[in-house]
Structure formats: C-alpha cells, structure tokens
Amino acid sequence: MYLKKALLGTTALLGVGALMVADAGRANAQAFEVSVSGFSRFMAAFGNLEDQSGTADARSFYFRNDTEVHVKARATDDATGMRYGATVEFEADTNATVNTDETWIFIGGNWGELRFGDEDGAADNMKVGGFSVAAGTGGIDGAGEVANVGVFFDNSSDATKIIYYSPKVSGFQLGVSYTPDSGHAGSTTYPTDTTATDREDWIEAGVVYANSFNGVDVKASLVGSWADYETGNNDFSAFGGGATVGFGGFSVGGGYFTENDDVGGDRDIWSVGAAASLGPANVSVTYAAIDNDGSNIDPKNIVLSADMGLFPGVALQGDISIFDRDTGTDDDGVTGVVRLHIGY
C-alpha cells in the first residue's frame, strides 16, 4: 500500500507541473498539425465457431468488418520545446454503438510524456510475450475468432486515466498509470464506487528494455498491476514479464504473467512464439495456456499465422487456431480467419 500511495502522489504532482508549464507557453504555441490515419478490414471467419465462442448456433462461416479513423493533432511550443496534442480514434463500422475507441491528450518534453484520457494502461502498452512476434492478425492475440485464450492479466483497458512515460535512456523506458475507477470512461459524470466487479485506485507500471547488438534485436519488459475492489476488502495484483529476440529475419518470444485476484481467482498465463520473415511474407506459430488455480479448467491455444503485403498499405492476413477451452463440454476444435487489411 505504501508503494501505491507514493505512485499516486508522484503522478498527481507530474500532472499539475506539466499543465502549469503548458499554460505558461500557450502564447508562443504554433498551429496544430492535424493528420488522419486508421484502418479498414474485411474478414472471413470459419470453423468450429460455436465451440470456440460458447454461443449456441453460432454460424460456422461469416464475414465482418473492422474500421477505425484516427485523428491526431500535434504541436510544439517554440519557447519551451514542449510537445502537446490529442488523439481521437473513431469507431466507423455501421453497427458501432460506441463512437470512439480511445481519446486522450498529451504533454511531453525531455522529461517524458503525460497522457490524460481514455487509453490503455502502462502495463498493457508495455507488455512483451510470445504474442509480440505473431504474424497474421496477431496469432494468439489477434482476431477474436482465433484468440481463444487470454495472453495477459486483467487490465484497466480504456478506462479514464493518467499515464506517464519516461524518456528512453540507454534502451530503458519506465511507465506508470493511475485509474480511479475501472468502470468509468468518457464524459459520464458522478460515477459510483459501489460496483462489486469494478476496481479502484488502479496502478499499472512497467519497464521496457529494447536494443540491438550486432544485428540481434532484443526487447524485454517487466510489468505490474495493483488495485482494490470497490466493495468488500478484496484486492487485485498481477505481475510478469517477457522477452523477444530477433536475428536475420527470425524471431522468438515468450512471456509469463501471474494474477492474484480475491474475486475472480488466481491464474498463471504462459505464451511462446516463433516467427520468420520471408521477403514480402511473414509466418509464425504462437502458443498460449492458462492455469487457473483451484480449478481443472486450463485452456490452451496454438495459432499458425501468415501475412503478405500486396501493395503499399495493403496486406492479406490469416490465422488458423487449434484450441481447447477445457470447460468439460464440446469446446475444442479448429477455427480460422482470412483478413484483407488496409492501413492509411
């Protein structure tokens, strides 16, 4: 608890200090540079999708879209060198009921960067594991129809938060985020603190190391997470780490994460992967498994993935999953996806 209080205090002071500096240099700010980017995806899913999803009578073959438009505004203050701006990621599919995915503003300088808004927490953004080398749609961490097993501990997702990332020094970077209420995001006012499944005062932190040595690329991270539940005396904590190594077009990776959850139960999560780049194509095999403590339900998943660039910004991606949800029913099988991805 001492660590949590110290991190809360540090995050608050950084936020106030950054805002004061930004206000002082407002008169000298340059005009914002606004850019538009995003992606459009068309995908076919097939296989034992009823067993994979647990949805009765789920179709064994269908099409679906996935589209986002990202608007980014960036500026630099001439007097102080401070960087600042905003990112808004719009959900653009015809059935979207949420208008945006993530929305956040940032202020940065040679001391690092602060983000304010609806964004993934530091631990999630800094995680490394077997999924980090996956081709296709992302293998064990790709499209939901093939990503049958979780690869990371529970996190605050896009709940409203403050995040700090340090500068990169000798390949190292630190990150920490604070989320008051995991069930609160967007412009909603007066959130309550009595939802039994919501976590509060959620601290997520990580450290990443990335460097290259004579053509060998190394990346590794350690991440942690601490929170209290809004009701009762229940706590949540998690930690873990992973690494990837790449050389000559080949790469391998692995990760381990453990979760101590007074409400949902404890679990251990493993992932490993290997990949190769073959000219315009990439291939990989990734594996994920979960050991739920005190339970005989231990799901596992292996995914074969490939992708190929067709034109600049256009790729054909595919994954085949061999899964076992291990719930004691008819819950294993094979699913697959083929996706045309356009990034712009």
Protein backbone atom coordinates (compact mmCIF):
# COMPACT_ATOMS: atom_id res chain seq x y z
CA MET A 1 0.00 0.00 0.00
CA TYR A 2 2.96 2.36 0.63
CA LEU A 3 4.08 1.87 -2.98
CA LYS A 4 0.58 2.65 -4.25
CA LYS A 5 0.35 5.89 -2.21
CA ALA A 6 3.78 7.01 -3.37
CA LEU A 7 2.90 6.40 -7.02
CA LEU A 8 -0.41 8.23 -6.64
CA GLY A 9 1.32 11.27 -5.19
CA THR A 10 4.05 11.30 -7.86
CA THR A 11 1.52 11.01 -10.70
CA ALA A 12 -0.56 13.89 -9.35
CA LEU A 13 2.47 16.19 -8.99
CA LEU A 14 3.66 15.42 -12.52
CA GLY A 15 0.22 16.21 -13.90
CA VAL A 16 -0.02 19.58 -12.15
CA GLY A 17 3.51 20.56 -13.14
CA ALA A 18 3.01 19.70 -16.82
CA LEU A 19 -0.23 21.68 -17.01
CA MET A 20 1.42 24.77 -15.43
CA VAL A 21 4.28 24.70 -17.97
CA ALA A 22 1.85 24.27 -20.88
CA ASP A 23 -0.23 27.24 -19.70
CA ALA A 24 2.85 29.46 -19.41
CA GLY A 25 3.91 28.79 -23.00
CA ARG A 26 0.45 28.99 -24.58
CA ALA A 27 1.04 32.35 -26.22
CA ASN A 28 4.00 31.03 -28.20
CA ALA A 29 2.35 27.82 -29.36
CA GLN A 30 2.44 27.04 -33.06
CA ALA A 31 -0.61 25.93 -35.01
CA PHE A 32 -1.52 22.28 -34.67
CA GLU A 33 -0.62 19.81 -37.39
CA VAL A 34 -3.64 17.55 -37.87
CA SER A 35 -3.35 14.16 -39.57
CA VAL A 36 -5.87 11.45 -40.37
CA SER A 37 -4.99 7.76 -40.33
CA GLY A 38 -6.65 4.48 -39.46
CA PHE A 39 -7.52 1.12 -40.94
CA SER A 40 -10.26 -0.73 -42.81
CA ARG A 41 -10.50 -4.52 -42.58
CA PHE A 42 -12.70 -7.12 -44.23
CA MET A 43 -12.56 -10.59 -42.71
CA ALA A 44 -13.94 -14.08 -43.22
CA ALA A 45 -14.21 -16.40 -40.19
CA PHE A 46 -14.79 -20.14 -40.35
CA GLY A 47 -14.57 -23.40 -38.39
CA ASN A 48 -15.85 -24.59 -35.01
CA LEU A 49 -17.01 -21.12 -34.01
CA GLU A 50 -19.88 -22.38 -31.84
CA ASP A 51 -17.48 -24.40 -29.69
CA GLN A 52 -14.88 -21.62 -29.69
CA SER A 53 -17.29 -18.88 -28.60
CA GLY A 54 -19.74 -20.86 -26.47
CA THR A 55 -22.54 -19.16 -28.45
CA ALA A 56 -25.36 -21.57 -29.27
CA ASP A 57 -25.97 -21.97 -33.02
CA ALA A 58 -23.13 -19.62 -33.94
CA ARG A 59 -22.53 -19.68 -37.69
CA SER A 60 -19.58 -21.74 -38.90
CA PHE A 61 -18.82 -19.18 -41.63
CA TYR A 62 -19.42 -15.43 -41.89
CA PHE A 63 -17.95 -12.08 -42.95
CA ARG A 64 -17.36 -9.00 -40.80
CA ASN A 65 -15.77 -5.54 -40.93
CA ASP A 66 -13.46 -3.66 -38.56
CA THR A 67 -12.90 0.03 -39.27
CA GLU A 68 -11.39 2.93 -37.34
CA VAL A 69 -10.46 6.50 -38.28
CA HIS A 70 -7.78 8.17 -36.16
CA VAL A 71 -7.44 11.95 -35.95
CA LYS A 72 -4.19 13.25 -34.42
CA ALA A 73 -3.32 16.86 -33.57
CA ARG A 74 0.31 17.68 -32.73
CA ALA A 75 2.15 20.90 -31.88
CA THR A 76 5.41 22.10 -30.30
CA ASP A 77 5.87 25.27 -28.26
CA ASP A 78 8.80 27.32 -29.60
CA ALA A 79 9.69 28.89 -26.25
CA THR A 80 9.85 25.73 -24.15
CA GLY A 81 10.18 22.89 -26.68
CA MET A 82 7.16 21.22 -25.07
CA ARG A 83 5.15 18.86 -27.29
CA TYR A 84 1.40 18.53 -26.90
CA GLY A 85 -1.67 17.36 -28.74
CA ALA A 86 -4.56 14.93 -28.84
CA THR A 87 -5.59 11.60 -30.37
CA VAL A 88 -9.18 10.60 -31.18
CA GLU A 89 -9.87 7.10 -32.55
CA PHE A 90 -13.34 6.91 -34.13
CA GLU A 91 -15.21 3.61 -34.47
CA ALA A 92 -16.55 3.65 -38.04
CA ASP A 93 -18.39 0.35 -38.55
CA THR A 94 -22.06 0.57 -39.50
CA ASN A 95 -23.23 -1.18 -36.30
CA ALA A 96 -20.90 0.68 -33.90
CA THR A 97 -22.74 1.76 -30.75
CA VAL A 98 -19.67 3.43 -29.22
CA ASN A 99 -18.48 6.44 -31.18
CA THR A 100 -14.81 6.21 -30.23
CA ASP A 101 -12.26 3.63 -29.13
CA GLU A 102 -9.64 5.78 -27.41
CA THR A 103 -9.45 9.54 -26.81
CA TRP A 104 -6.59 11.24 -25.00
CA ILE A 105 -4.42 14.35 -24.84
CA PHE A 106 -0.71 14.53 -24.06
CA ILE A 107 2.01 16.92 -22.94
CA GLY A 108 5.66 15.94 -23.37
CA GLY A 109 9.22 17.17 -23.20
CA ASN A 110 12.71 15.96 -22.42
CA TRP A 111 11.33 14.80 -19.04
CA GLY A 112 8.96 12.30 -20.68
CA GLU A 113 5.28 12.34 -21.63
CA LEU A 114 1.99 12.59 -19.76
CA ARG A 115 -1.27 11.31 -21.28
CA PHE A 116 -4.74 12.16 -19.99
CA GLY A 117 -7.89 10.35 -21.10
CA ASP A 118 -9.25 7.01 -22.28
CA GLU A 119 -6.20 4.92 -23.17
CA ASP A 120 -4.72 1.52 -22.31
CA GLY A 121 -2.70 1.48 -19.10
CA ALA A 122 1.08 1.40 -18.88
CA ALA A 123 1.31 -2.33 -18.18
CA ASP A 124 -0.82 -3.25 -21.20
CA ASN A 125 1.07 -0.93 -23.54
CA MET A 126 4.47 -2.19 -22.33
CA LYS A 127 3.84 -5.95 -22.20
CA VAL A 128 6.03 -8.36 -24.20
CA GLY A 129 5.42 -12.07 -24.79
CA GLY A 130 5.05 -14.81 -27.36
CA PHE A 131 2.28 -12.77 -28.99
CA SER A 132 4.78 -9.98 -29.78
CA VAL A 133 6.26 -11.92 -32.74
CA ALA A 134 2.97 -13.11 -34.26
CA ALA A 135 2.15 -12.63 -37.93
CA GLY A 136 -1.35 -12.72 -39.48
CA THR A 137 -3.95 -10.80 -37.49
CA GLY A 138 -1.84 -11.26 -34.36
CA GLY A 139 -1.97 -15.00 -33.66
CA ILE A 140 -2.91 -15.75 -30.05
CA ASP A 141 -3.55 -12.00 -29.58
CA GLY A 142 -5.24 -11.39 -32.93
CA ALA A 143 -8.82 -11.56 -34.20
CA GLY A 144 -11.25 -12.82 -31.56
CA GLU A 145 -12.22 -15.87 -33.60
CA VAL A 146 -8.70 -17.30 -33.23
CA ALA A 147 -7.56 -15.63 -29.98
CA ASN A 148 -9.31 -18.20 -27.80
CA VAL A 149 -7.12 -17.89 -24.69
CA GLY A 150 -6.12 -14.71 -22.85
CA VAL A 151 -2.44 -13.79 -23.09
CA PHE A 152 -2.24 -11.12 -20.35
CA PHE A 153 -3.59 -10.40 -16.90
CA ASP A 154 -6.67 -8.21 -16.37
CA ASN A 155 -6.04 -4.53 -17.02
CA SER A 156 -7.91 -1.23 -16.93
CA SER A 157 -8.34 -1.17 -20.74
CA ASP A 158 -9.61 2.25 -21.90
CA ALA A 159 -10.98 3.48 -18.56
CA THR A 160 -10.15 7.16 -17.99
CA LYS A 161 -6.68 7.59 -16.51
CA ILE A 162 -3.40 9.49 -16.31
CA ILE A 163 -0.26 7.87 -17.78
CA TYR A 164 3.40 8.87 -17.52
CA TYR A 165 6.16 7.54 -19.80
CA SER A 166 9.78 8.41 -19.07
CA PRO A 167 12.34 9.30 -21.76
CA LYS A 168 14.25 6.35 -23.23
CA VAL A 169 17.68 6.12 -21.63
CA SER A 170 20.21 3.52 -22.80
CA GLY A 171 17.36 1.43 -24.13
CA PHE A 172 15.25 1.62 -20.94
CA GLN A 173 11.85 3.27 -20.53
CA LEU A 174 9.55 3.44 -17.50
CA GLY A 175 5.78 3.84 -17.48
CA VAL A 176 3.09 4.20 -14.81
CA SER A 177 -0.66 4.86 -14.97
CA TYR A 178 -3.39 5.63 -12.47
CA THR A 179 -7.09 4.80 -12.98
CA PRO A 180 -9.55 5.94 -10.27
CA ASP A 181 -12.40 3.68 -11.43
CA SER A 182 -12.11 0.79 -13.91
CA GLY A 183 -15.80 1.09 -14.76
CA HIS A 184 -15.67 4.76 -15.72
CA ALA A 185 -14.73 6.24 -19.10
CA GLY A 186 -15.73 9.08 -21.36
CA SER A 187 -17.78 12.10 -20.26
CA THR A 188 -20.04 10.34 -17.73
CA THR A 189 -20.40 12.38 -14.54
CA TYR A 190 -20.66 11.22 -10.93
CA PRO A 191 -19.52 7.58 -11.22
CA THR A 192 -20.39 5.46 -8.20
CA ASP A 193 -17.97 3.41 -6.12
CA THR A 194 -20.24 0.50 -5.19
CA THR A 195 -19.93 -1.84 -8.20
CA ALA A 196 -18.66 -5.15 -6.88
CA THR A 197 -16.76 -6.06 -10.06
CA ASP A 198 -15.09 -2.65 -10.57
CA ARG A 199 -11.59 -1.91 -9.30
CA GLU A 200 -10.46 1.45 -7.94
CA ASP A 201 -7.16 3.30 -7.42
CA TRP A 202 -5.63 1.06 -10.06
CA ILE A 203 -1.87 1.46 -10.51
CA GLU A 204 -0.23 -0.15 -13.55
CA ALA A 205 3.51 0.12 -14.20
CA GLY A 206 6.20 -1.28 -16.44
CA VAL A 207 9.78 -1.05 -17.59
CA VAL A 208 10.87 -1.91 -21.14
CA TYR A 209 14.36 -2.50 -22.49
CA ALA A 210 14.96 -2.52 -26.27
CA ASN A 211 18.32 -2.54 -28.06
CA SER A 212 20.30 -4.09 -30.91
CA PHE A 213 23.67 -5.83 -30.70
CA ASN A 214 25.46 -6.72 -33.95
CA GLY A 215 22.22 -7.39 -35.78
CA VAL A 216 20.50 -9.06 -32.83
CA ASP A 217 17.37 -7.22 -31.70
CA VAL A 218 16.39 -7.66 -28.04
CA LYS A 219 13.26 -6.44 -26.28
CA ALA A 220 12.17 -7.29 -22.74
CA SER A 221 9.75 -5.92 -20.18
CA LEU A 222 8.55 -6.33 -16.61
CA VAL A 223 5.03 -5.14 -15.73
CA GLY A 224 2.86 -5.00 -12.62
CA SER A 225 -0.66 -4.06 -11.57
CA TRP A 226 -2.29 -3.24 -8.19
CA ALA A 227 -5.90 -2.31 -7.34
CA ASP A 228 -8.66 -2.61 -4.74
CA TYR A 229 -12.23 -3.68 -5.43
CA GLU A 230 -14.90 -1.06 -4.80
CA THR A 231 -16.78 -3.24 -2.32
CA GLY A 232 -15.52 -5.57 0.38
CA ASN A 233 -11.88 -6.00 1.37
CA ASN A 234 -10.85 -7.64 -1.87
CA ASP A 235 -7.58 -6.87 -3.63
CA PHE A 236 -6.11 -7.46 -7.07
CA SER A 237 -2.46 -7.70 -8.04
CA ALA A 238 -0.56 -9.08 -11.01
CA PHE A 239 2.93 -9.06 -12.42
CA GLY A 240 5.06 -10.76 -15.05
CA GLY A 241 7.43 -10.28 -17.92
CA GLY A 242 8.56 -11.42 -21.31
CA ALA A 243 11.17 -11.02 -24.00
CA THR A 244 11.76 -11.31 -27.73
CA VAL A 245 14.98 -11.89 -29.69
CA GLY A 246 15.31 -11.36 -33.44
CA PHE A 247 18.13 -12.11 -35.85
CA GLY A 248 18.37 -12.46 -39.63
CA GLY A 249 14.62 -12.42 -40.24
CA PHE A 250 13.84 -14.92 -37.47
CA SER A 251 12.45 -14.10 -34.04
CA VAL A 252 11.34 -15.90 -30.89
CA GLY A 253 9.47 -14.66 -27.85
CA GLY A 254 7.94 -15.76 -24.60
CA GLY A 255 6.16 -14.40 -21.55
CA TYR A 256 4.78 -15.35 -18.16
CA PHE A 257 2.19 -13.45 -16.11
CA THR A 258 0.55 -14.29 -12.80
CA GLU A 259 -2.63 -12.83 -11.35
CA ASN A 260 -3.75 -12.76 -7.70
CA ASP A 261 -7.45 -11.89 -7.64
CA ASP A 262 -9.59 -12.16 -4.49
CA VAL A 263 -12.78 -12.09 -6.60
CA GLY A 264 -12.00 -13.79 -9.91
CA GLY A 265 -9.45 -16.29 -8.63
CA ASP A 266 -5.73 -16.67 -9.22
CA ARG A 267 -4.21 -17.77 -12.52
CA ASP A 268 -0.93 -18.15 -14.40
CA ILE A 269 -0.56 -17.32 -18.10
CA TRP A 270 2.17 -18.53 -20.48
CA SER A 271 2.87 -17.64 -24.10
CA VAL A 272 5.62 -18.56 -26.56
CA GLY A 273 6.12 -17.87 -30.24
CA ALA A 274 8.46 -18.15 -33.20
CA ALA A 275 8.33 -16.24 -36.48
CA ALA A 276 10.17 -15.73 -39.76
CA SER A 277 10.13 -13.03 -42.45
CA LEU A 278 10.29 -14.40 -45.99
CA GLY A 279 10.52 -11.40 -48.29
CA PRO A 280 7.04 -9.84 -48.51
CA ALA A 281 5.57 -12.61 -46.33
CA ASN A 282 5.72 -13.34 -42.60
CA VAL A 283 4.85 -16.59 -40.84
CA SER A 284 4.59 -17.52 -37.16
CA VAL A 285 3.43 -20.10 -34.67
CA THR A 286 2.28 -18.91 -31.22
CA TYR A 287 1.01 -20.77 -28.17
CA ALA A 288 -0.89 -19.63 -25.07
CA ALA A 289 -2.02 -21.53 -21.98
CA ILE A 290 -3.71 -20.60 -18.70
CA ASP A 291 -3.50 -22.45 -15.38
CA ASN A 292 -6.49 -21.45 -13.24
CA ASP A 293 -5.52 -22.14 -9.63
CA GLY A 294 -8.05 -24.27 -7.76
CA SER A 295 -9.76 -25.27 -10.99
CA ASN A 296 -9.41 -28.03 -13.57
CA ILE A 297 -10.22 -25.57 -16.37
CA ASP A 298 -6.89 -24.91 -18.10
CA PRO A 299 -7.49 -23.60 -21.66
CA LYS A 300 -4.83 -23.64 -24.33
CA ASN A 301 -4.46 -22.44 -27.90
CA ILE A 302 -1.95 -22.77 -30.73
CA VAL A 303 -2.19 -20.47 -33.75
CA LEU A 304 -0.47 -20.72 -37.16
CA SER A 305 -0.32 -17.32 -38.84
CA ALA A 306 0.83 -15.70 -42.07
CA ASP A 307 0.58 -12.38 -43.84
CA MET A 308 1.74 -10.91 -47.12
CA GLY A 309 2.00 -7.34 -48.37
CA LEU A 310 0.07 -6.89 -51.61
CA PHE A 311 0.50 -3.16 -52.21
CA PRO A 312 1.75 -0.27 -50.04
CA GLY A 313 -0.56 -0.21 -47.02
CA VAL A 314 -2.44 -3.35 -48.10
CA ALA A 315 -1.90 -6.82 -46.58
CA LEU A 316 -3.56 -10.21 -46.75
CA GLN A 317 -3.56 -11.84 -43.31
CA GLY A 318 -4.63 -15.22 -41.99
CA ASP A 319 -4.61 -17.39 -38.86
CA ILE A 320 -5.57 -20.98 -38.02
CA SER A 321 -6.32 -21.76 -34.36
CA ILE A 322 -6.27 -25.20 -32.72
CA PHE A 323 -7.96 -24.59 -29.37
CA ASP A 324 -9.25 -26.30 -26.24
CA ARG A 325 -11.32 -24.20 -23.82
CA ASP A 326 -11.23 -27.13 -21.36
CA THR A 327 -14.62 -26.49 -19.77
CA GLY A 328 -15.57 -30.17 -19.81
CA THR A 329 -18.00 -29.84 -22.72
CA ASP A 330 -17.59 -29.97 -26.50
CA ASP A 331 -15.30 -26.94 -26.53
CA ASP A 332 -12.27 -27.79 -28.66
CA GLY A 333 -11.71 -27.60 -32.39
CA VAL A 334 -10.24 -25.55 -35.21
CA THR A 335 -11.15 -22.03 -36.32
CA GLY A 336 -9.64 -19.70 -38.89
CA VAL A 337 -9.75 -16.18 -40.28
CA VAL A 338 -8.67 -14.56 -43.53
CA ARG A 339 -8.48 -10.76 -43.49
CA LEU A 340 -7.77 -8.02 -46.03
CA HIS A 341 -6.21 -5.11 -44.14
CA ILE A 342 -5.76 -1.58 -45.47
CA GLY A 343 -3.86 0.83 -43.24
CA TYR A 344 -3.84 4.53 -44.08
